[in-house]
Amino acid sequence: MPDHAHIRHWVFDLDNTLYSGDAEFFKQIDKKMTTFISDYLKLDPPDARKVQKDYLAEYGTSLSGLMAVHGMDPAPFLEFVHDVDLSPLTPCPHLPSAIAALPGKKYIFTNGSQAHAKNVGEHLGVYDLFDGVFGIEDVDYVPKPKRSPYIKFCDVFDIDPKAAIMFEDSVRNLEVPKYMGMSTVLVTSDADWSHEPEHARPAGPGSGADWVDHMTGNLAGWLTSTT
């Protein structure tokens, strides 16, 4: 395991990162997105789903596409799609202690909303361990992997990228932080994400790229091994 003694900032994505990639849990959000888009654009569900995935691939999130193309107000969308049942999501019993033991400051940086981060983080028993939470509304709804959210995140929390490490389930969301100077960790799972656009789907064991420094399918175990 490489030496991470220089790391002072630990940055975590939320969905499929702070919990093991769970296609069944995220399917709730996925279906609610389709329902919302179908109602909002007056489309049949199959057509709405195509729009949803096309926007995800092109704009980084389906929400960003809806805002860019249709001028949609993001607040009702986020409230609707994040109103989900958390009970199927099993917290990792070792993750809270692993995060608590990390030296330096810890942050959540998500393309989801602040409210979603709070709901999921509290369910996982880790929310109060973080020094800051950065949601999509904090970057004017411009999502990762675009560069500007990372710049704003670092500015708001006064983060030196060369002293930071970022954990993500998305390969493409690690490219910008790597070239800013962060160390990068890709969190993988065995979940089946074949229904998602290929370059936008969460990572599996065979994923990787030049800008990925490390990969793990066991976040709590990986963190524990560094401290």
C-alpha atoms as a PDB file:
ATOM      1  CA  MET A   1       0.000   0.000   0.000  1.00  0.00           C
ATOM      2  CA  PRO A   2       1.502   3.374  -1.008  1.00  0.00           C
ATOM      3  CA  ASP A   3       2.355   5.912   1.679  1.00  0.00           C
ATOM      4  CA  HIS A   4      -0.434   8.470   2.114  1.00  0.00           C
ATOM      5  CA  ALA A   5       1.197  10.431   4.925  1.00  0.00           C
ATOM      6  CA  HIS A   6       0.963  13.608   2.820  1.00  0.00           C
ATOM      7  CA  ILE A   7      -2.832  13.370   2.496  1.00  0.00           C
ATOM      8  CA  ARG A   8      -4.720  16.030   4.483  1.00  0.00           C
ATOM      9  CA  HIS A   9      -8.020  15.993   2.579  1.00  0.00           C
ATOM     10  CA  TRP A  10     -10.104  12.847   1.979  1.00  0.00           C
ATOM     11  CA  VAL A  11     -12.809  13.383  -0.645  1.00  0.00           C
ATOM     12  CA  PHE A  12     -15.608  10.862  -1.174  1.00  0.00           C
ATOM     13  CA  ASP A  13     -18.316  10.571  -3.760  1.00  0.00           C
ATOM     14  CA  LEU A  14     -21.605   9.371  -2.254  1.00  0.00           C
ATOM     15  CA  ASP A  15     -23.681   6.909  -4.271  1.00  0.00           C
ATOM     16  CA  ASN A  16     -22.031   3.554  -5.007  1.00  0.00           C
ATOM     17  CA  THR A  17     -18.892   4.778  -3.221  1.00  0.00           C
ATOM     18  CA  LEU A  18     -19.724   5.175   0.480  1.00  0.00           C
ATOM     19  CA  TYR A  19     -21.825   2.064   0.084  1.00  0.00           C
ATOM     20  CA  SER A  20     -21.016  -0.898  -2.132  1.00  0.00           C
ATOM     21  CA  GLY A  21     -22.311  -0.460  -5.670  1.00  0.00           C
ATOM     22  CA  ASP A  22     -25.958  -1.443  -5.390  1.00  0.00           C
ATOM     23  CA  ALA A  23     -27.881  -1.458  -8.640  1.00  0.00           C
ATOM     24  CA  GLU A  24     -31.082  -2.499  -6.865  1.00  0.00           C
ATOM     25  CA  PHE A  25     -31.038   0.485  -4.494  1.00  0.00           C
ATOM     26  CA  PHE A  26     -30.086   2.963  -7.201  1.00  0.00           C
ATOM     27  CA  LYS A  27     -32.781   1.496  -9.439  1.00  0.00           C
ATOM     28  CA  GLN A  28     -35.315   3.356  -7.283  1.00  0.00           C
ATOM     29  CA  ILE A  29     -33.736   6.689  -8.222  1.00  0.00           C
ATOM     30  CA  ASP A  30     -33.346   5.595 -11.822  1.00  0.00           C
ATOM     31  CA  LYS A  31     -37.044   4.726 -12.161  1.00  0.00           C
ATOM     32  CA  LYS A  32     -38.145   7.939 -10.477  1.00  0.00           C
ATOM     33  CA  MET A  33     -36.034   9.930 -12.940  1.00  0.00           C
ATOM     34  CA  THR A  34     -37.825   8.223 -15.818  1.00  0.00           C
ATOM     35  CA  THR A  35     -41.216   8.935 -14.244  1.00  0.00           C
ATOM     36  CA  PHE A  36     -40.397  12.599 -13.670  1.00  0.00           C
ATOM     37  CA  ILE A  37     -39.057  13.102 -17.195  1.00  0.00           C
ATOM     38  CA  SER A  38     -42.041  11.301 -18.674  1.00  0.00           C
ATOM     39  CA  ASP A  39     -44.447  13.618 -16.837  1.00  0.00           C
ATOM     40  CA  TYR A  40     -42.406  16.771 -17.408  1.00  0.00           C
ATOM     41  CA  LEU A  41     -41.824  16.279 -21.152  1.00  0.00           C
ATOM     42  CA  LYS A  42     -45.117  14.444 -21.807  1.00  0.00           C
ATOM     43  CA  LEU A  43     -43.298  11.409 -23.186  1.00  0.00           C
ATOM     44  CA  ASP A  44     -44.028   7.704 -23.019  1.00  0.00           C
ATOM     45  CA  PRO A  45     -41.742   6.031 -20.452  1.00  0.00           C
ATOM     46  CA  PRO A  46     -39.467   4.331 -23.056  1.00  0.00           C
ATOM     47  CA  ASP A  47     -38.884   7.674 -24.794  1.00  0.00           C
ATOM     48  CA  ALA A  48     -38.371   9.415 -21.469  1.00  0.00           C
ATOM     49  CA  ARG A  49     -35.783   6.823 -20.461  1.00  0.00           C
ATOM     50  CA  LYS A  50     -33.869   7.355 -23.702  1.00  0.00           C
ATOM     51  CA  VAL A  51     -33.772  11.104 -23.032  1.00  0.00           C
ATOM     52  CA  GLN A  52     -32.650  10.380 -19.462  1.00  0.00           C
ATOM     53  CA  LYS A  53     -29.697   8.224 -20.547  1.00  0.00           C
ATOM     54  CA  ASP A  54     -28.739  10.435 -23.486  1.00  0.00           C
ATOM     55  CA  TYR A  55     -28.524  13.449 -21.179  1.00  0.00           C
ATOM     56  CA  LEU A  56     -26.557  11.452 -18.598  1.00  0.00           C
ATOM     57  CA  ALA A  57     -23.967  10.547 -21.220  1.00  0.00           C
ATOM     58  CA  GLU A  58     -23.739  14.014 -22.778  1.00  0.00           C
ATOM     59  CA  TYR A  59     -24.131  16.373 -19.821  1.00  0.00           C
ATOM     60  CA  GLY A  60     -22.807  14.370 -16.853  1.00  0.00           C
ATOM     61  CA  THR A  61     -26.230  14.039 -15.228  1.00  0.00           C
ATOM     62  CA  SER A  62     -29.751  13.747 -16.591  1.00  0.00           C
ATOM     63  CA  LEU A  63     -30.645  16.825 -14.545  1.00  0.00           C
ATOM     64  CA  SER A  64     -28.021  18.974 -16.280  1.00  0.00           C
ATOM     65  CA  GLY A  65     -29.401  18.006 -19.664  1.00  0.00           C
ATOM     66  CA  LEU A  66     -32.941  18.844 -18.621  1.00  0.00           C
ATOM     67  CA  MET A  67     -31.806  22.237 -17.361  1.00  0.00           C
ATOM     68  CA  ALA A  68     -29.677  22.990 -20.430  1.00  0.00           C
ATOM     69  CA  VAL A  69     -32.175  21.881 -23.062  1.00  0.00           C
ATOM     70  CA  HIS A  70     -35.510  22.579 -21.394  1.00  0.00           C
ATOM     71  CA  GLY A  71     -34.724  25.224 -18.763  1.00  0.00           C
ATOM     72  CA  MET A  72     -36.122  23.009 -16.025  1.00  0.00           C
ATOM     73  CA  ASP A  73     -36.184  24.080 -12.365  1.00  0.00           C
ATOM     74  CA  PRO A  74     -33.930  21.529 -10.614  1.00  0.00           C
ATOM     75  CA  ALA A  75     -35.486  21.638  -7.132  1.00  0.00           C
ATOM     76  CA  PRO A  76     -38.685  19.613  -7.801  1.00  0.00           C
ATOM     77  CA  PHE A  77     -36.688  17.029  -9.757  1.00  0.00           C
ATOM     78  CA  LEU A  78     -34.158  16.487  -6.955  1.00  0.00           C
ATOM     79  CA  GLU A  79     -36.842  16.328  -4.280  1.00  0.00           C
ATOM     80  CA  PHE A  80     -38.822  13.745  -6.258  1.00  0.00           C
ATOM     81  CA  VAL A  81     -36.017  11.421  -7.366  1.00  0.00           C
ATOM     82  CA  HIS A  82     -34.272  11.329  -3.976  1.00  0.00           C
ATOM     83  CA  ASP A  83     -37.416  10.416  -2.053  1.00  0.00           C
ATOM     84  CA  VAL A  84     -36.480   6.738  -1.844  1.00  0.00           C
ATOM     85  CA  ASP A  85     -36.604   3.828   0.572  1.00  0.00           C
ATOM     86  CA  LEU A  86     -33.202   3.445   2.260  1.00  0.00           C
ATOM     87  CA  SER A  87     -34.026   0.199   4.064  1.00  0.00           C
ATOM     88  CA  PRO A  88     -32.623  -2.085   1.320  1.00  0.00           C
ATOM     89  CA  LEU A  89     -29.252  -0.331   1.629  1.00  0.00           C
ATOM     90  CA  THR A  90     -27.058  -2.245   4.076  1.00  0.00           C
ATOM     91  CA  PRO A  91     -24.484  -0.080   5.880  1.00  0.00           C
ATOM     92  CA  CYS A  92     -20.940  -1.415   6.141  1.00  0.00           C
ATOM     93  CA  PRO A  93     -20.331  -1.894   9.887  1.00  0.00           C
ATOM     94  CA  HIS A  94     -16.612  -1.104   9.534  1.00  0.00           C
ATOM     95  CA  LEU A  95     -16.895   2.093   7.482  1.00  0.00           C
ATOM     96  CA  PRO A  96     -17.629   4.621  10.276  1.00  0.00           C
ATOM     97  CA  SER A  97     -14.538   3.663  12.274  1.00  0.00           C
ATOM     98  CA  ALA A  98     -12.416   3.566   9.119  1.00  0.00           C
ATOM     99  CA  ILE A  99     -13.439   7.105   8.167  1.00  0.00           C
ATOM    100  CA  ALA A 100     -13.149   8.404  11.724  1.00  0.00           C
ATOM    101  CA  ALA A 101      -9.543   7.163  11.924  1.00  0.00           C
ATOM    102  CA  LEU A 102      -8.398   9.059   8.823  1.00  0.00           C
ATOM    103  CA  PRO A 103      -5.973  11.908   9.573  1.00  0.00           C
ATOM    104  CA  GLY A 104      -7.009  15.291   8.243  1.00  0.00           C
ATOM    105  CA  LYS A 105     -10.379  16.489   6.997  1.00  0.00           C
ATOM    106  CA  LYS A 106     -13.065  14.468   5.224  1.00  0.00           C
ATOM    107  CA  TYR A 107     -15.635  15.590   2.675  1.00  0.00           C
ATOM    108  CA  ILE A 108     -18.553  14.293   0.619  1.00  0.00           C
ATOM    109  CA  PHE A 109     -18.584  15.620  -2.958  1.00  0.00           C
ATOM    110  CA  THR A 110     -21.635  14.367  -4.826  1.00  0.00           C
ATOM    111  CA  ASN A 111     -23.651  15.015  -7.973  1.00  0.00           C
ATOM    112  CA  GLY A 112     -26.673  14.415  -5.761  1.00  0.00           C
ATOM    113  CA  SER A 113     -28.325  16.987  -3.537  1.00  0.00           C
ATOM    114  CA  GLN A 114     -27.347  18.059  -0.027  1.00  0.00           C
ATOM    115  CA  ALA A 115     -30.550  16.469   1.282  1.00  0.00           C
ATOM    116  CA  HIS A 116     -29.754  13.164  -0.425  1.00  0.00           C
ATOM    117  CA  ALA A 117     -26.235  13.193   1.021  1.00  0.00           C
ATOM    118  CA  LYS A 118     -27.661  13.758   4.494  1.00  0.00           C
ATOM    119  CA  ASN A 119     -30.290  11.031   4.188  1.00  0.00           C
ATOM    120  CA  VAL A 120     -27.886   8.415   2.841  1.00  0.00           C
ATOM    121  CA  GLY A 121     -24.979   9.495   5.045  1.00  0.00           C
ATOM    122  CA  GLU A 122     -27.057   9.279   8.215  1.00  0.00           C
ATOM    123  CA  HIS A 123     -28.414   5.891   7.146  1.00  0.00           C
ATOM    124  CA  LEU A 124     -24.845   4.653   6.704  1.00  0.00           C
ATOM    125  CA  GLY A 125     -23.808   6.087  10.069  1.00  0.00           C
ATOM    126  CA  VAL A 126     -21.103   8.339   8.612  1.00  0.00           C
ATOM    127  CA  TYR A 127     -22.684  11.737   7.937  1.00  0.00           C
ATOM    128  CA  ASP A 128     -21.467  13.421  11.131  1.00  0.00           C
ATOM    129  CA  LEU A 129     -17.894  12.266  10.467  1.00  0.00           C
ATOM    130  CA  PHE A 130     -17.453  14.667   7.555  1.00  0.00           C
ATOM    131  CA  ASP A 131     -16.098  18.201   7.787  1.00  0.00           C
ATOM    132  CA  GLY A 132     -18.049  19.335   4.751  1.00  0.00           C
ATOM    133  CA  VAL A 133     -20.634  18.189   2.222  1.00  0.00           C
ATOM    134  CA  PHE A 134     -20.732  19.524  -1.330  1.00  0.00           C
ATOM    135  CA  GLY A 135     -23.882  18.846  -3.334  1.00  0.00           C
ATOM    136  CA  ILE A 136     -24.975  19.631  -6.861  1.00  0.00           C
ATOM    137  CA  GLU A 137     -26.727  22.825  -5.735  1.00  0.00           C
ATOM    138  CA  ASP A 138     -23.391  24.142  -4.402  1.00  0.00           C
ATOM    139  CA  VAL A 139     -21.941  24.222  -7.927  1.00  0.00           C
ATOM    140  CA  ASP A 140     -24.974  25.774  -9.631  1.00  0.00           C
ATOM    141  CA  TYR A 141     -25.996  22.302 -10.827  1.00  0.00           C
ATOM    142  CA  VAL A 142     -22.881  21.836 -12.980  1.00  0.00           C
ATOM    143  CA  PRO A 143     -21.898  18.194 -12.363  1.00  0.00           C
ATOM    144  CA  LYS A 144     -18.740  16.170 -12.257  1.00  0.00           C
ATOM    145  CA  PRO A 145     -16.914  15.324 -14.541  1.00  0.00           C
ATOM    146  CA  LYS A 146     -16.848  18.967 -15.713  1.00  0.00           C
ATOM    147  CA  ARG A 147     -13.842  20.848 -14.384  1.00  0.00           C
ATOM    148  CA  SER A 148     -15.566  23.804 -12.713  1.00  0.00           C
ATOM    149  CA  PRO A 149     -17.180  21.849  -9.830  1.00  0.00           C
ATOM    150  CA  TYR A 150     -13.801  20.507  -8.737  1.00  0.00           C
ATOM    151  CA  ILE A 151     -12.274  23.983  -8.807  1.00  0.00           C
ATOM    152  CA  LYS A 152     -15.124  25.442  -6.762  1.00  0.00           C
ATOM    153  CA  PHE A 153     -15.024  22.532  -4.303  1.00  0.00           C
ATOM    154  CA  CYS A 154     -11.317  23.082  -3.657  1.00  0.00           C
ATOM    155  CA  ASP A 155     -11.795  26.843  -3.342  1.00  0.00           C
ATOM    156  CA  VAL A 156     -14.678  26.565  -0.869  1.00  0.00           C
ATOM    157  CA  PHE A 157     -12.856  24.161   1.433  1.00  0.00           C
ATOM    158  CA  ASP A 158      -9.342  25.544   0.816  1.00  0.00           C
ATOM    159  CA  ILE A 159      -8.052  22.217  -0.447  1.00  0.00           C
ATOM    160  CA  ASP A 160      -4.596  21.740  -1.911  1.00  0.00           C
ATOM    161  CA  PRO A 161      -5.153  19.053  -4.579  1.00  0.00           C
ATOM    162  CA  LYS A 162      -1.630  17.709  -4.074  1.00  0.00           C
ATOM    163  CA  ALA A 163      -2.545  16.908  -0.474  1.00  0.00           C
ATOM    164  CA  ALA A 164      -5.922  15.347  -1.363  1.00  0.00           C
ATOM    165  CA  ILE A 165      -7.221  11.947  -2.386  1.00  0.00           C
ATOM    166  CA  MET A 166     -10.559  11.309  -4.086  1.00  0.00           C
ATOM    167  CA  PHE A 167     -12.725   8.194  -4.033  1.00  0.00           C
ATOM    168  CA  GLU A 168     -15.217   7.603  -6.854  1.00  0.00           C
ATOM    169  CA  ASP A 169     -17.196   4.816  -8.482  1.00  0.00           C
ATOM    170  CA  SER A 170     -16.990   6.599 -11.859  1.00  0.00           C
ATOM    171  CA  VAL A 171     -13.811   6.404 -13.938  1.00  0.00           C
ATOM    172  CA  ARG A 172     -14.586   9.596 -15.798  1.00  0.00           C
ATOM    173  CA  ASN A 173     -15.132  11.545 -12.571  1.00  0.00           C
ATOM    174  CA  LEU A 174     -11.524  10.908 -11.508  1.00  0.00           C
ATOM    175  CA  GLU A 175      -9.804  12.353 -14.580  1.00  0.00           C
ATOM    176  CA  VAL A 176     -10.012  16.041 -13.616  1.00  0.00           C
ATOM    177  CA  PRO A 177      -8.948  15.560  -9.964  1.00  0.00           C
ATOM    178  CA  LYS A 178      -5.985  13.447 -11.065  1.00  0.00           C
ATOM    179  CA  TYR A 179      -4.709  16.158 -13.386  1.00  0.00           C
ATOM    180  CA  MET A 180      -5.299  18.751 -10.677  1.00  0.00           C
ATOM    181  CA  GLY A 181      -2.831  16.793  -8.549  1.00  0.00           C
ATOM    182  CA  MET A 182      -5.059  14.583  -6.389  1.00  0.00           C
ATOM    183  CA  SER A 183      -4.457  10.917  -5.747  1.00  0.00           C
ATOM    184  CA  THR A 184      -7.366   8.845  -7.054  1.00  0.00           C
ATOM    185  CA  VAL A 185      -9.107   5.676  -5.926  1.00  0.00           C
ATOM    186  CA  LEU A 186     -11.725   3.897  -8.033  1.00  0.00           C
ATOM    187  CA  VAL A 187     -14.296   2.036  -5.917  1.00  0.00           C
ATOM    188  CA  THR A 188     -15.627  -0.960  -7.833  1.00  0.00           C
ATOM    189  CA  SER A 189     -18.403  -3.486  -7.372  1.00  0.00           C
ATOM    190  CA  ASP A 190     -19.797  -6.611  -9.027  1.00  0.00           C
ATOM    191  CA  ALA A 191     -23.209  -5.001  -9.617  1.00  0.00           C
ATOM    192  CA  ASP A 192     -24.629  -5.208 -13.134  1.00  0.00           C
ATOM    193  CA  TRP A 193     -24.719  -1.698 -14.626  1.00  0.00           C
ATOM    194  CA  SER A 194     -25.045  -2.779 -18.249  1.00  0.00           C
ATOM    195  CA  HIS A 195     -28.243  -0.729 -18.566  1.00  0.00           C
ATOM    196  CA  GLU A 196     -26.282   2.505 -18.134  1.00  0.00           C
ATOM    197  CA  PRO A 197     -24.312   4.347 -20.871  1.00  0.00           C
ATOM    198  CA  GLU A 198     -20.922   2.635 -20.979  1.00  0.00           C
ATOM    199  CA  HIS A 199     -18.701   5.587 -20.097  1.00  0.00           C
ATOM    200  CA  ALA A 200     -21.130   6.868 -17.438  1.00  0.00           C
ATOM    201  CA  ARG A 201     -21.758   3.646 -15.510  1.00  0.00           C
ATOM    202  CA  PRO A 202     -20.239   2.789 -12.102  1.00  0.00           C
ATOM    203  CA  ALA A 203     -17.025   0.818 -12.263  1.00  0.00           C
ATOM    204  CA  GLY A 204     -16.654  -2.939 -12.220  1.00  0.00           C
ATOM    205  CA  PRO A 205     -13.553  -4.957 -11.284  1.00  0.00           C
ATOM    206  CA  GLY A 206     -12.122  -4.701 -14.801  1.00  0.00           C
ATOM    207  CA  SER A 207     -12.385  -0.914 -14.983  1.00  0.00           C
ATOM    208  CA  GLY A 208      -9.489   1.501 -14.951  1.00  0.00           C
ATOM    209  CA  ALA A 209      -7.689   4.321 -16.742  1.00  0.00           C
ATOM    210  CA  ASP A 210      -4.347   6.101 -16.730  1.00  0.00           C
ATOM    211  CA  TRP A 211      -5.652   8.610 -14.201  1.00  0.00           C
ATOM    212  CA  VAL A 212      -6.741   5.944 -11.682  1.00  0.00           C
ATOM    213  CA  ASP A 213      -4.027   5.364  -9.070  1.00  0.00           C
ATOM    214  CA  HIS A 214      -5.719   2.640  -7.038  1.00  0.00           C
ATOM    215  CA  MET A 215      -8.777   0.398  -7.211  1.00  0.00           C
ATOM    216  CA  THR A 216     -10.679  -1.377  -4.467  1.00  0.00           C
ATOM    217  CA  GLY A 217     -13.887  -3.308  -4.043  1.00  0.00           C
ATOM    218  CA  ASN A 218     -13.702  -2.876  -0.249  1.00  0.00           C
ATOM    219  CA  LEU A 219     -13.590   0.793   0.747  1.00  0.00           C
ATOM    220  CA  ALA A 220     -13.514   0.256   4.520  1.00  0.00           C
ATOM    221  CA  GLY A 221     -10.734  -2.311   4.209  1.00  0.00           C
ATOM    222  CA  TRP A 222      -8.702  -0.057   1.926  1.00  0.00           C
ATOM    223  CA  LEU A 223      -9.020   2.901   4.276  1.00  0.00           C
ATOM    224  CA  THR A 224      -8.090   0.827   7.298  1.00  0.00           C
ATOM    225  CA  SER A 225      -4.946  -0.408   5.570  1.00  0.00           C
ATOM    226  CA  THR A 226      -3.745   3.173   5.039  1.00  0.00           C
ATOM    227  CA  THR A 227      -3.965   4.284   8.664  1.00  0.00           C
END
